[in-house]
């Protein structure tokens, strides 16, 4: 998905306001974005803890969470693009 059509380029208020009345962003994109926000908060806590007490387990969790966050970011855009493609095909 191009950066100009990414759900991540919307403000939080615009994203929230677009979910209910419009067909896009769709439910999958909204769920992926919401999950990403929650995971970002978990990552924040992991990074704070890791900065105070470094250990292999904490570093491994941060690595896994970073990878999941990237997957969620990409998934939100992929779901949105698939939905837009289906709509364009039905015109």
Protein backbone atom coordinates (compact mmCIF):
# COMPACT_ATOMS: atom_id res chain seq x y z
CA UNK A 1 0.00 0.00 0.00
CA UNK A 2 1.37 3.42 -0.83
CA UNK A 3 2.16 5.67 2.09
CA UNK A 4 -0.50 8.15 0.94
CA UNK A 5 -3.26 5.55 1.37
CA UNK A 6 -1.93 3.97 4.56
CA UNK A 7 -4.26 3.93 7.54
CA UNK A 8 -1.22 5.02 9.54
CA UNK A 9 -1.24 8.43 7.83
CA UNK A 10 -4.62 9.29 9.36
CA UNK A 11 -4.81 11.20 12.61
CA UNK A 12 -6.24 9.21 15.51
CA UNK A 13 -9.35 11.37 15.45
CA UNK A 14 -9.82 10.89 11.70
CA UNK A 15 -9.30 7.13 12.03
CA UNK A 16 -11.82 6.90 14.87
CA UNK A 17 -14.36 9.07 13.08
CA UNK A 18 -14.00 7.12 9.82
CA UNK A 19 -14.64 3.68 11.32
CA UNK A 20 -18.38 3.94 11.94
CA UNK A 21 -19.92 5.98 9.10
CA UNK A 22 -17.68 4.96 6.18
CA UNK A 23 -16.88 1.68 4.56
CA UNK A 24 -13.15 2.20 4.98
CA UNK A 25 -11.21 1.64 7.21
CA UNK A 26 -12.77 -1.78 7.56
CA UNK A 27 -13.14 -3.94 10.64
CA UNK A 28 -9.95 -5.91 10.00
CA UNK A 29 -7.84 -2.79 9.62
CA UNK A 30 -9.42 -1.24 12.72
CA UNK A 31 -8.79 -4.41 14.74
CA UNK A 32 -5.17 -4.65 13.58
CA UNK A 33 -4.55 -0.98 14.37
CA UNK A 34 -6.18 -1.25 17.81
CA UNK A 35 -4.16 -4.36 18.63
CA UNK A 36 -1.03 -2.52 17.50
CA UNK A 37 -1.75 0.31 19.93
CA UNK A 38 -2.11 -2.17 22.79
CA UNK A 39 1.08 -3.97 21.83
CA UNK A 40 2.91 -0.63 21.67
CA UNK A 41 1.97 -0.07 25.31
CA UNK A 42 3.28 -3.52 26.24
CA UNK A 43 6.50 -2.74 24.37
CA UNK A 44 6.82 0.52 26.26
CA UNK A 45 6.75 -1.38 29.55
CA UNK A 46 9.22 -3.99 28.28
CA UNK A 47 11.66 -1.32 27.11
CA UNK A 48 11.46 0.57 30.42
CA UNK A 49 12.07 -2.65 32.36
CA UNK A 50 14.89 -3.66 30.04
CA UNK A 51 16.61 -0.29 30.46
CA UNK A 52 16.69 -0.82 34.23
CA UNK A 53 17.65 -4.48 34.26
CA UNK A 54 19.04 -6.04 31.11
CA UNK A 55 18.48 -9.74 30.57
CA UNK A 56 18.20 -12.16 27.67
CA UNK A 57 14.53 -12.90 28.30
CA UNK A 58 13.56 -9.23 28.16
CA UNK A 59 15.55 -8.66 24.98
CA UNK A 60 13.93 -11.71 23.37
CA UNK A 61 10.44 -10.49 24.29
CA UNK A 62 11.18 -7.06 22.83
CA UNK A 63 12.40 -8.65 19.61
CA UNK A 64 9.27 -10.78 19.29
CA UNK A 65 6.98 -7.85 20.12
CA UNK A 66 8.76 -5.61 17.58
CA UNK A 67 8.20 -8.26 14.89
CA UNK A 68 4.52 -8.59 15.85
CA UNK A 69 4.08 -4.82 15.78
CA UNK A 70 5.46 -4.70 12.23
CA UNK A 71 3.13 -7.54 11.20
CA UNK A 72 0.13 -5.69 12.64
CA UNK A 73 1.11 -2.46 10.91
CA UNK A 74 1.45 -4.21 7.56
CA UNK A 75 -1.73 -6.25 8.13
CA UNK A 76 -3.85 -3.15 8.72
CA UNK A 77 -2.73 -1.70 5.40
CA UNK A 78 -3.01 -5.04 3.56
CA UNK A 79 -6.57 -5.56 4.76
CA UNK A 80 -7.48 -2.04 3.76
CA UNK A 81 -5.95 -2.43 0.28
CA UNK A 82 -7.73 -5.77 -0.30
CA UNK A 83 -11.03 -4.18 0.69
CA UNK A 84 -10.46 -1.21 -1.62
CA UNK A 85 -9.51 -3.56 -4.48
CA UNK A 86 -12.73 -5.56 -3.99
CA UNK A 87 -14.76 -2.37 -4.05
CA UNK A 88 -13.06 -1.17 -7.24
CA UNK A 89 -13.72 -4.55 -8.86
CA UNK A 90 -17.43 -4.37 -8.08
CA UNK A 91 -17.91 -1.00 -9.81
